[in-house]
Amino acid sequence: MKNVCFFLSSKSVGIDVSKELSLLAEFFSYKGYGLVYGGGNRGNMGFISNEFSNEGAKVSGYTLQLFHKQGFTPDYIDHLEVAEKFSVRKQLMIDNSDIFIIFPGGLGTLDELIDIVNLDGLDILGKNIYLFNKDNFWTEIINWIEKALKMEYIPMAPPNFYVSTSITEMIEQIESNEKL
């Protein structure tokens, strides 16, 4: 089974992405993908895991001991791993995923985005990354990457990095790049 990793907020604030998350959960579940995510039961993180679970897909959560002790892990997770450090948790998510979807989020999501784009730019990752830039949320980061490329701080453009502003556009990118 292939897995899609969602990096997104543990809060439901700012931009409403519930419709888009529902559509992607249905799309990936229908294609036989399981979910890899941060293991939380709150916000968009909890929403996407619930949507995948309701679609009958396997849900794999990778959380921190701190959050697990506080009861922030849903009971419907099929596979749960608890890590002591953020870096270990993130690496487990990367290792157990075939593709990555990034939605608007905070510092944790930004950290995950920068890490996988860096790995992709170094030609280490070898997996596709799809960034959902709804309402231009990520535009400043995209502009910074382009500027750093132009100034040669980043040696090469990440070859597997795709940006979309709608779920229709993202699904078209996925269908043309993935063996579904």
N, C-alpha and C. Protein backbone atom coordinates (compact mmCIF):
# COMPACT_ATOMS: atom_id res chain seq x y z
N MET A 1 0.84 -1.19 0.00
CA MET A 1 0.00 0.00 0.00
C MET A 1 0.87 1.24 0.00
N LYS A 2 0.48 2.21 -0.78
CA LYS A 2 1.17 3.49 -0.79
C LYS A 2 0.56 4.41 0.25
N ASN A 3 1.38 5.34 0.73
CA ASN A 3 0.93 6.29 1.74
C ASN A 3 1.17 7.72 1.28
N VAL A 4 0.19 8.56 1.59
CA VAL A 4 0.32 9.99 1.35
C VAL A 4 0.47 10.67 2.70
N CYS A 5 1.47 11.53 2.81
CA CYS A 5 1.71 12.27 4.05
C CYS A 5 1.13 13.67 3.92
N PHE A 6 0.36 14.05 4.93
CA PHE A 6 -0.16 15.41 5.00
C PHE A 6 0.57 16.16 6.10
N PHE A 7 1.20 17.26 5.72
CA PHE A 7 1.76 18.20 6.68
C PHE A 7 0.80 19.38 6.73
N LEU A 8 0.23 19.64 7.92
CA LEU A 8 -0.78 20.68 8.05
C LEU A 8 -0.96 21.04 9.51
N SER A 9 -1.80 22.00 9.76
CA SER A 9 -1.97 22.56 11.10
C SER A 9 -2.75 21.65 12.03
N SER A 10 -2.40 21.73 13.29
CA SER A 10 -3.18 21.06 14.33
C SER A 10 -4.29 21.99 14.84
N LYS A 11 -4.48 23.08 14.13
CA LYS A 11 -5.54 24.04 14.46
C LYS A 11 -6.45 24.21 13.25
N SER A 12 -7.67 24.64 13.49
CA SER A 12 -8.60 24.99 12.41
C SER A 12 -8.83 26.49 12.45
N VAL A 13 -7.81 27.23 12.09
CA VAL A 13 -7.87 28.69 12.13
C VAL A 13 -7.50 29.24 10.76
N GLY A 14 -7.67 30.53 10.59
CA GLY A 14 -7.24 31.15 9.34
C GLY A 14 -8.06 30.72 8.15
N ILE A 15 -7.42 30.06 7.21
CA ILE A 15 -8.04 29.66 5.95
C ILE A 15 -8.81 28.35 6.15
N ASP A 16 -10.08 28.33 5.75
CA ASP A 16 -10.89 27.11 5.83
C ASP A 16 -10.50 26.19 4.68
N VAL A 17 -9.99 25.01 5.02
CA VAL A 17 -9.56 24.04 4.01
C VAL A 17 -10.30 22.71 4.14
N SER A 18 -11.39 22.70 4.90
CA SER A 18 -12.09 21.43 5.15
C SER A 18 -12.63 20.80 3.87
N LYS A 19 -13.17 21.60 2.97
CA LYS A 19 -13.68 21.05 1.70
C LYS A 19 -12.56 20.38 0.91
N GLU A 20 -11.42 21.05 0.82
CA GLU A 20 -10.29 20.52 0.08
C GLU A 20 -9.74 19.25 0.72
N LEU A 21 -9.67 19.24 2.05
CA LEU A 21 -9.20 18.04 2.75
C LEU A 21 -10.13 16.87 2.51
N SER A 22 -11.44 17.11 2.55
CA SER A 22 -12.41 16.05 2.29
C SER A 22 -12.24 15.48 0.88
N LEU A 23 -12.08 16.36 -0.10
CA LEU A 23 -11.91 15.91 -1.48
C LEU A 23 -10.64 15.07 -1.64
N LEU A 24 -9.56 15.50 -1.03
CA LEU A 24 -8.31 14.74 -1.14
C LEU A 24 -8.38 13.42 -0.40
N ALA A 25 -9.04 13.38 0.75
CA ALA A 25 -9.20 12.12 1.48
C ALA A 25 -9.98 11.12 0.63
N GLU A 26 -11.04 11.59 0.00
CA GLU A 26 -11.84 10.72 -0.87
C GLU A 26 -11.00 10.26 -2.08
N PHE A 27 -10.29 11.18 -2.71
CA PHE A 27 -9.46 10.87 -3.87
C PHE A 27 -8.40 9.82 -3.54
N PHE A 28 -7.61 10.07 -2.50
CA PHE A 28 -6.53 9.15 -2.17
C PHE A 28 -7.04 7.81 -1.65
N SER A 29 -8.10 7.82 -0.88
CA SER A 29 -8.68 6.57 -0.39
C SER A 29 -9.15 5.71 -1.55
N TYR A 30 -9.82 6.33 -2.51
CA TYR A 30 -10.30 5.62 -3.69
C TYR A 30 -9.14 5.02 -4.48
N LYS A 31 -7.99 5.70 -4.48
CA LYS A 31 -6.81 5.22 -5.21
C LYS A 31 -6.01 4.21 -4.39
N GLY A 32 -6.46 3.90 -3.17
CA GLY A 32 -5.80 2.88 -2.35
C GLY A 32 -4.67 3.37 -1.47
N TYR A 33 -4.59 4.66 -1.26
CA TYR A 33 -3.54 5.22 -0.40
C TYR A 33 -3.99 5.25 1.05
N GLY A 34 -3.03 5.02 1.94
CA GLY A 34 -3.24 5.25 3.36
C GLY A 34 -2.71 6.63 3.72
N LEU A 35 -3.08 7.08 4.90
CA LEU A 35 -2.66 8.40 5.40
C LEU A 35 -1.51 8.27 6.38
N VAL A 36 -0.51 9.11 6.22
CA VAL A 36 0.54 9.33 7.22
C VAL A 36 0.39 10.78 7.64
N TYR A 37 0.35 10.99 8.96
CA TYR A 37 0.19 12.37 9.45
C TYR A 37 0.71 12.46 10.87
N GLY A 38 0.62 13.65 11.46
CA GLY A 38 1.22 13.93 12.76
C GLY A 38 0.54 13.35 13.97
N GLY A 39 -0.49 12.53 13.79
CA GLY A 39 -1.08 11.77 14.89
C GLY A 39 -2.03 12.52 15.80
N GLY A 40 -2.40 13.74 15.46
CA GLY A 40 -3.26 14.53 16.34
C GLY A 40 -4.74 14.36 16.06
N ASN A 41 -5.54 14.75 17.05
CA ASN A 41 -7.00 14.67 16.91
C ASN A 41 -7.65 16.05 16.87
N ARG A 42 -6.86 17.08 16.69
CA ARG A 42 -7.38 18.45 16.71
C ARG A 42 -7.12 19.15 15.39
N GLY A 43 -7.93 20.16 15.14
CA GLY A 43 -7.74 21.02 13.98
C GLY A 43 -7.77 20.26 12.66
N ASN A 44 -7.03 20.78 11.69
CA ASN A 44 -6.99 20.16 10.38
C ASN A 44 -6.35 18.78 10.41
N MET A 45 -5.43 18.59 11.34
CA MET A 45 -4.81 17.28 11.51
C MET A 45 -5.86 16.23 11.90
N GLY A 46 -6.68 16.56 12.88
CA GLY A 46 -7.75 15.65 13.28
C GLY A 46 -8.78 15.48 12.19
N PHE A 47 -9.06 16.55 11.47
CA PHE A 47 -10.06 16.50 10.40
C PHE A 47 -9.63 15.54 9.29
N ILE A 48 -8.38 15.66 8.81
CA ILE A 48 -7.94 14.80 7.71
C ILE A 48 -7.89 13.34 8.13
N SER A 49 -7.46 13.07 9.35
CA SER A 49 -7.40 11.67 9.79
C SER A 49 -8.80 11.07 9.91
N ASN A 50 -9.74 11.85 10.38
CA ASN A 50 -11.13 11.39 10.48
C ASN A 50 -11.71 11.12 9.09
N GLU A 51 -11.41 12.00 8.13
CA GLU A 51 -11.90 11.82 6.76
C GLU A 51 -11.34 10.54 6.14
N PHE A 52 -10.05 10.29 6.29
CA PHE A 52 -9.46 9.06 5.76
C PHE A 52 -10.06 7.84 6.45
N SER A 53 -10.22 7.90 7.76
CA SER A 53 -10.80 6.79 8.51
C SER A 53 -12.22 6.51 8.04
N ASN A 54 -13.02 7.55 7.86
CA ASN A 54 -14.39 7.39 7.38
C ASN A 54 -14.45 6.81 5.97
N GLU A 55 -13.40 7.02 5.18
CA GLU A 55 -13.32 6.46 3.82
C GLU A 55 -12.83 5.01 3.84
N GLY A 56 -12.47 4.51 5.03
CA GLY A 56 -11.99 3.13 5.14
C GLY A 56 -10.52 2.95 4.85
N ALA A 57 -9.77 4.04 4.77
CA ALA A 57 -8.33 3.96 4.49
C ALA A 57 -7.55 3.75 5.78
N LYS A 58 -6.36 3.20 5.64
CA LYS A 58 -5.47 3.03 6.79
C LYS A 58 -4.95 4.39 7.24
N VAL A 59 -4.96 4.62 8.54
CA VAL A 59 -4.48 5.87 9.12
C VAL A 59 -3.29 5.56 10.02
N SER A 60 -2.13 6.14 9.67
CA SER A 60 -0.91 5.97 10.45
C SER A 60 -0.52 7.31 11.05
N GLY A 61 -0.44 7.35 12.37
CA GLY A 61 -0.11 8.58 13.07
C GLY A 61 1.27 8.50 13.70
N TYR A 62 2.00 9.60 13.61
CA TYR A 62 3.33 9.71 14.20
C TYR A 62 3.30 10.94 15.09
N THR A 63 3.29 10.71 16.38
CA THR A 63 3.10 11.81 17.31
C THR A 63 4.25 11.89 18.30
N LEU A 64 4.21 12.90 19.13
CA LEU A 64 5.20 13.07 20.17
C LEU A 64 4.66 12.55 21.49
N GLN A 65 5.55 12.05 22.32
CA GLN A 65 5.17 11.56 23.65
C GLN A 65 4.39 12.63 24.41
N LEU A 66 4.84 13.86 24.32
CA LEU A 66 4.19 14.99 24.99
C LEU A 66 2.72 15.09 24.61
N PHE A 67 2.41 15.02 23.31
CA PHE A 67 1.03 15.13 22.84
C PHE A 67 0.23 13.88 23.17
N HIS A 68 0.87 12.73 23.07
CA HIS A 68 0.18 11.47 23.35
C HIS A 68 -0.26 11.40 24.81
N LYS A 69 0.61 11.84 25.72
CA LYS A 69 0.29 11.85 27.15
C LYS A 69 -0.89 12.77 27.45
N GLN A 70 -1.05 13.82 26.65
CA GLN A 70 -2.13 14.78 26.86
C GLN A 70 -3.44 14.34 26.21
N GLY A 71 -3.44 13.17 25.58
CA GLY A 71 -4.66 12.64 24.98
C GLY A 71 -5.02 13.23 23.64
N PHE A 72 -4.02 13.72 22.90
CA PHE A 72 -4.28 14.35 21.61
C PHE A 72 -4.23 13.37 20.44
N THR A 73 -4.37 12.08 20.72
CA THR A 73 -4.31 11.06 19.67
C THR A 73 -5.68 10.40 19.54
N PRO A 74 -6.26 10.35 18.33
CA PRO A 74 -7.57 9.71 18.17
C PRO A 74 -7.48 8.19 18.35
N ASP A 75 -8.59 7.59 18.72
CA ASP A 75 -8.60 6.15 18.98
C ASP A 75 -8.76 5.31 17.71
N TYR A 76 -9.05 5.91 16.58
CA TYR A 76 -9.27 5.16 15.35
C TYR A 76 -8.00 4.98 14.51
N ILE A 77 -6.86 5.41 15.00
CA ILE A 77 -5.61 5.25 14.25
C ILE A 77 -5.27 3.77 14.14
N ASP A 78 -4.94 3.34 12.92
CA ASP A 78 -4.60 1.94 12.69
C ASP A 78 -3.16 1.63 13.10
N HIS A 79 -2.28 2.60 12.94
CA HIS A 79 -0.87 2.41 13.29
C HIS A 79 -0.40 3.70 13.96
N LEU A 80 0.15 3.57 15.17
CA LEU A 80 0.61 4.73 15.92
C LEU A 80 2.04 4.51 16.37
N GLU A 81 2.88 5.52 16.12
CA GLU A 81 4.24 5.51 16.66
C GLU A 81 4.43 6.80 17.44
N VAL A 82 5.02 6.65 18.62
CA VAL A 82 5.23 7.79 19.51
C VAL A 82 6.73 8.06 19.61
N ALA A 83 7.13 9.27 19.29
CA ALA A 83 8.55 9.66 19.32
C ALA A 83 8.79 10.66 20.44
N GLU A 84 10.03 10.72 20.88
CA GLU A 84 10.42 11.67 21.92
C GLU A 84 10.76 13.04 21.34
N LYS A 85 11.24 13.08 20.09
CA LYS A 85 11.71 14.33 19.49
C LYS A 85 10.98 14.62 18.18
N PHE A 86 10.81 15.91 17.90
CA PHE A 86 10.20 16.33 16.64
C PHE A 86 10.96 15.79 15.44
N SER A 87 12.28 15.84 15.50
CA SER A 87 13.09 15.41 14.36
C SER A 87 12.89 13.92 14.05
N VAL A 88 12.76 13.11 15.08
CA VAL A 88 12.54 11.67 14.89
C VAL A 88 11.15 11.44 14.31
N ARG A 89 10.17 12.13 14.84
CA ARG A 89 8.79 12.03 14.34
C ARG A 89 8.73 12.39 12.85
N LYS A 90 9.36 13.50 12.50
CA LYS A 90 9.35 13.96 11.11
C LYS A 90 10.03 12.93 10.20
N GLN A 91 11.15 12.38 10.64
CA GLN A 91 11.86 11.40 9.81
C GLN A 91 11.02 10.14 9.63
N LEU A 92 10.32 9.71 10.65
CA LEU A 92 9.42 8.54 10.53
C LEU A 92 8.34 8.82 9.49
N MET A 93 7.79 10.01 9.51
CA MET A 93 6.76 10.38 8.55
C MET A 93 7.33 10.38 7.13
N ILE A 94 8.51 10.93 6.96
CA ILE A 94 9.15 10.97 5.64
C ILE A 94 9.43 9.56 5.14
N ASP A 95 9.99 8.74 6.01
CA ASP A 95 10.36 7.37 5.62
C ASP A 95 9.16 6.51 5.26
N ASN A 96 8.02 6.77 5.85
CA ASN A 96 6.83 5.94 5.65
C ASN A 96 5.84 6.52 4.65
N SER A 97 6.28 7.48 3.85
CA SER A 97 5.40 8.14 2.89
C SER A 97 5.94 8.02 1.48
N ASP A 98 5.00 8.01 0.54
CA ASP A 98 5.36 7.96 -0.88
C ASP A 98 5.23 9.32 -1.56
N ILE A 99 4.31 10.14 -1.09
CA ILE A 99 4.16 11.50 -1.60
C ILE A 99 3.76 12.41 -0.43
N PHE A 100 3.92 13.71 -0.65
CA PHE A 100 3.67 14.68 0.41
C PHE A 100 2.72 15.77 -0.07
N ILE A 101 1.77 16.10 0.80
CA ILE A 101 0.83 17.19 0.58
C ILE A 101 1.03 18.18 1.72
N ILE A 102 1.24 19.45 1.38
CA ILE A 102 1.42 20.46 2.42
C ILE A 102 0.32 21.49 2.30
N PHE A 103 -0.37 21.69 3.41
CA PHE A 103 -1.45 22.68 3.50
C PHE A 103 -0.97 23.84 4.37
N PRO A 104 -1.71 24.94 4.41
CA PRO A 104 -1.35 26.03 5.31
C PRO A 104 -1.19 25.54 6.75
N GLY A 105 -0.21 26.11 7.43
CA GLY A 105 0.05 25.72 8.81
C GLY A 105 1.01 26.70 9.47
N GLY A 106 1.44 26.34 10.65
CA GLY A 106 2.32 27.19 11.43
C GLY A 106 3.79 26.82 11.30
N LEU A 107 4.54 27.04 12.37
CA LEU A 107 5.98 26.80 12.34
C LEU A 107 6.33 25.33 12.13
N GLY A 108 5.54 24.43 12.70
CA GLY A 108 5.79 23.00 12.50
C GLY A 108 5.65 22.62 11.04
N THR A 109 4.59 23.12 10.39
CA THR A 109 4.36 22.84 8.98
C THR A 109 5.46 23.47 8.13
N LEU A 110 5.86 24.67 8.46
CA LEU A 110 6.95 25.34 7.74
C LEU A 110 8.24 24.53 7.86
N ASP A 111 8.55 24.05 9.06
CA ASP A 111 9.73 23.23 9.28
C ASP A 111 9.69 21.97 8.41
N GLU A 112 8.54 21.32 8.36
CA GLU A 112 8.39 20.11 7.56
C GLU A 112 8.55 20.42 6.07
N LEU A 113 7.94 21.52 5.62
CA LEU A 113 8.05 21.93 4.22
C LEU A 113 9.50 22.19 3.84
N ILE A 114 10.19 23.01 4.62
CA ILE A 114 11.58 23.36 4.30
C ILE A 114 12.45 22.11 4.29
N ASP A 115 12.24 21.21 5.23
CA ASP A 115 13.06 19.99 5.30
C ASP A 115 12.89 19.13 4.06
N ILE A 116 11.64 18.86 3.66
CA ILE A 116 11.46 17.97 2.51
C ILE A 116 11.83 18.66 1.19
N VAL A 117 11.61 19.97 1.08
CA VAL A 117 12.03 20.67 -0.14
C VAL A 117 13.56 20.68 -0.22
N ASN A 118 14.23 20.84 0.91
CA ASN A 118 15.69 20.78 0.94
C ASN A 118 16.18 19.39 0.51
N LEU A 119 15.58 18.34 1.05
CA LEU A 119 15.96 16.97 0.66
C LEU A 119 15.72 16.75 -0.82
N ASP A 120 14.62 17.30 -1.34
CA ASP A 120 14.31 17.17 -2.76
C ASP A 120 15.34 17.93 -3.60
N GLY A 121 15.67 19.14 -3.19
CA GLY A 121 16.65 19.94 -3.92
C GLY A 121 18.04 19.32 -3.93
N LEU A 122 18.35 18.52 -2.92
CA LEU A 122 19.63 17.81 -2.87
C LEU A 122 19.54 16.46 -3.59
N ASP A 123 18.37 16.18 -4.15
CA ASP A 123 18.10 14.93 -4.88
C ASP A 123 18.24 13.71 -3.97
N ILE A 124 17.82 13.87 -2.71
CA ILE A 124 17.87 12.78 -1.73
C ILE A 124 16.49 12.17 -1.54
N LEU A 125 15.45 12.97 -1.62
CA LEU A 125 14.09 12.52 -1.28
C LEU A 125 13.52 11.57 -2.32
N GLY A 126 13.50 11.98 -3.56
CA GLY A 126 12.96 11.14 -4.64
C GLY A 126 11.47 10.90 -4.57
N LYS A 127 10.75 11.80 -3.91
CA LYS A 127 9.30 11.68 -3.78
C LYS A 127 8.68 13.04 -4.10
N ASN A 128 7.48 13.02 -4.65
CA ASN A 128 6.84 14.27 -5.05
C ASN A 128 6.23 15.01 -3.87
N ILE A 129 6.30 16.33 -3.96
CA ILE A 129 5.81 17.25 -2.94
C ILE A 129 4.79 18.17 -3.60
N TYR A 130 3.59 18.24 -3.01
CA TYR A 130 2.52 19.09 -3.55
C TYR A 130 2.14 20.12 -2.49
N LEU A 131 2.39 21.37 -2.81
CA LEU A 131 2.12 22.48 -1.90
C LEU A 131 0.82 23.15 -2.30
N PHE A 132 -0.12 23.22 -1.35
CA PHE A 132 -1.40 23.87 -1.60
C PHE A 132 -1.30 25.33 -1.15
N ASN A 133 -1.24 26.22 -2.12
CA ASN A 133 -1.05 27.65 -1.86
C ASN A 133 -2.38 28.40 -1.90
N LYS A 134 -3.33 27.91 -1.12
CA LYS A 134 -4.65 28.56 -1.09
C LYS A 134 -4.52 29.98 -0.56
N ASP A 135 -5.21 30.89 -1.22
CA ASP A 135 -5.21 32.30 -0.83
C ASP A 135 -3.80 32.87 -0.70
N ASN A 136 -2.87 32.34 -1.50
CA ASN A 136 -1.47 32.80 -1.52
C ASN A 136 -0.77 32.65 -0.17
N PHE A 137 -1.20 31.68 0.62
CA PHE A 137 -0.63 31.49 1.95
C PHE A 137 0.89 31.32 1.91
N TRP A 138 1.39 30.54 0.96
CA TRP A 138 2.82 30.20 0.89
C TRP A 138 3.59 31.08 -0.10
N THR A 139 2.98 32.09 -0.68
CA THR A 139 3.62 32.86 -1.75
C THR A 139 4.96 33.46 -1.33
N GLU A 140 5.07 33.99 -0.13
CA GLU A 140 6.34 34.58 0.30
C GLU A 140 7.45 33.54 0.38
N ILE A 141 7.11 32.32 0.80
CA ILE A 141 8.10 31.24 0.86
C ILE A 141 8.51 30.83 -0.56
N ILE A 142 7.53 30.71 -1.45
CA ILE A 142 7.81 30.37 -2.85
C ILE A 142 8.71 31.44 -3.47
N ASN A 143 8.40 32.71 -3.22
CA ASN A 143 9.22 33.81 -3.74
C ASN A 143 10.64 33.75 -3.19
N TRP A 144 10.77 33.41 -1.90
CA TRP A 144 12.09 33.30 -1.30
C TRP A 144 12.89 32.17 -1.95
N ILE A 145 12.26 31.02 -2.18
CA ILE A 145 12.94 29.90 -2.85
C ILE A 145 13.42 30.34 -4.23
N GLU A 146 12.54 31.01 -4.98
CA GLU A 146 12.92 31.49 -6.32
C GLU A 146 14.08 32.49 -6.26
N LYS A 147 14.05 33.39 -5.28
CA LYS A 147 15.13 34.36 -5.12
C LYS A 147 16.44 33.67 -4.75
N ALA A 148 16.37 32.72 -3.82
CA ALA A 148 17.57 31.99 -3.40
C ALA A 148 18.14 31.17 -4.56
N LEU A 149 17.28 30.64 -5.41
CA LEU A 149 17.75 29.94 -6.61
C LEU A 149 18.45 30.90 -7.56
N LYS A 150 17.83 32.04 -7.79
CA LYS A 150 18.39 33.05 -8.71
C LYS A 150 19.76 33.52 -8.21
N MET A 151 19.89 33.67 -6.89
CA MET A 151 21.15 34.15 -6.31
C MET A 151 22.12 33.00 -6.04
N GLU A 152 21.72 31.79 -6.37
CA GLU A 152 22.53 30.57 -6.26
C GLU A 152 22.83 30.15 -4.82
N TYR A 153 22.00 30.59 -3.87
CA TYR A 153 22.11 30.04 -2.52
C TYR A 153 21.57 28.62 -2.48
N ILE A 154 20.62 28.35 -3.34
CA ILE A 154 20.10 27.00 -3.53
C ILE A 154 20.64 26.55 -4.88
N PRO A 155 21.39 25.42 -4.91
CA PRO A 155 22.08 25.04 -6.14
C PRO A 155 21.18 24.60 -7.29
N MET A 156 20.05 23.98 -6.99
CA MET A 156 19.16 23.55 -8.06
C MET A 156 17.72 23.57 -7.58
N ALA A 157 16.81 23.78 -8.50
CA ALA A 157 15.39 23.79 -8.16
C ALA A 157 14.97 22.39 -7.71
N PRO A 158 14.15 22.30 -6.67
CA PRO A 158 13.66 20.99 -6.26
C PRO A 158 12.90 20.35 -7.42
N PRO A 159 13.36 19.19 -7.92
CA PRO A 159 12.77 18.62 -9.13
C PRO A 159 11.37 18.04 -8.97
N ASN A 160 10.97 17.76 -7.75
CA ASN A 160 9.69 17.09 -7.50
C ASN A 160 8.73 17.95 -6.70
N PHE A 161 8.81 19.26 -6.86
CA PHE A 161 8.06 20.22 -6.06
C PHE A 161 7.02 20.91 -6.94
N TYR A 162 5.75 20.76 -6.56
CA TYR A 162 4.64 21.30 -7.35
C TYR A 162 3.78 22.19 -6.48
N VAL A 163 3.38 23.33 -7.03
CA VAL A 163 2.54 24.29 -6.30
C VAL A 163 1.21 24.40 -7.02
N SER A 164 0.14 24.42 -6.23
CA SER A 164 -1.20 24.60 -6.79
C SER A 164 -1.99 25.57 -5.93
N THR A 165 -2.97 26.21 -6.56
CA THR A 165 -3.84 27.14 -5.83
C THR A 165 -5.26 26.61 -5.72
N SER A 166 -5.51 25.45 -6.30
CA SER A 166 -6.83 24.80 -6.17
C SER A 166 -6.63 23.30 -6.07
N ILE A 167 -7.61 22.63 -5.51
CA ILE A 167 -7.53 21.18 -5.39
C ILE A 167 -7.66 20.53 -6.76
N THR A 168 -8.43 21.11 -7.65
CA THR A 168 -8.52 20.59 -9.02
C THR A 168 -7.14 20.58 -9.67
N GLU A 169 -6.43 21.70 -9.54
CA GLU A 169 -5.08 21.79 -10.09
C GLU A 169 -4.15 20.77 -9.44
N MET A 170 -4.24 20.61 -8.11
CA MET A 170 -3.38 19.66 -7.41
C MET A 170 -3.66 18.23 -7.87
N ILE A 171 -4.93 17.87 -7.98
CA ILE A 171 -5.28 16.52 -8.41
C ILE A 171 -4.77 16.27 -9.83
N GLU A 172 -4.87 17.26 -10.70
CA GLU A 172 -4.32 17.12 -12.06
C GLU A 172 -2.81 16.89 -12.02
N GLN A 173 -2.12 17.61 -11.17
CA GLN A 173 -0.67 17.42 -11.02
C GLN A 173 -0.37 16.01 -10.52
N ILE A 174 -1.11 15.58 -9.52
CA ILE A 174 -0.90 14.24 -8.94
C ILE A 174 -1.16 13.17 -9.99
N GLU A 175 -2.26 13.30 -10.71
CA GLU A 175 -2.60 12.29 -11.72
C GLU A 175 -1.57 12.22 -12.85
N SER A 176 -0.93 13.33 -13.16
CA SER A 176 0.07 13.30 -14.23
C SER A 176 1.45 12.86 -13.73
N ASN A 177 1.69 12.89 -12.42
CA ASN A 177 3.01 12.56 -11.87
C ASN A 177 3.09 11.23 -11.14
N GLU A 178 1.99 10.74 -10.63
CA GLU A 178 2.01 9.53 -9.80
C GLU A 178 1.50 8.33 -10.59
N LYS A 179 1.96 7.16 -10.19
CA LYS A 179 1.42 5.91 -10.72
C LYS A 179 0.29 5.49 -9.79
N LEU A 180 -0.91 5.91 -10.12
CA LEU A 180 -2.06 5.68 -9.25
C LEU A 180 -2.77 4.37 -9.58
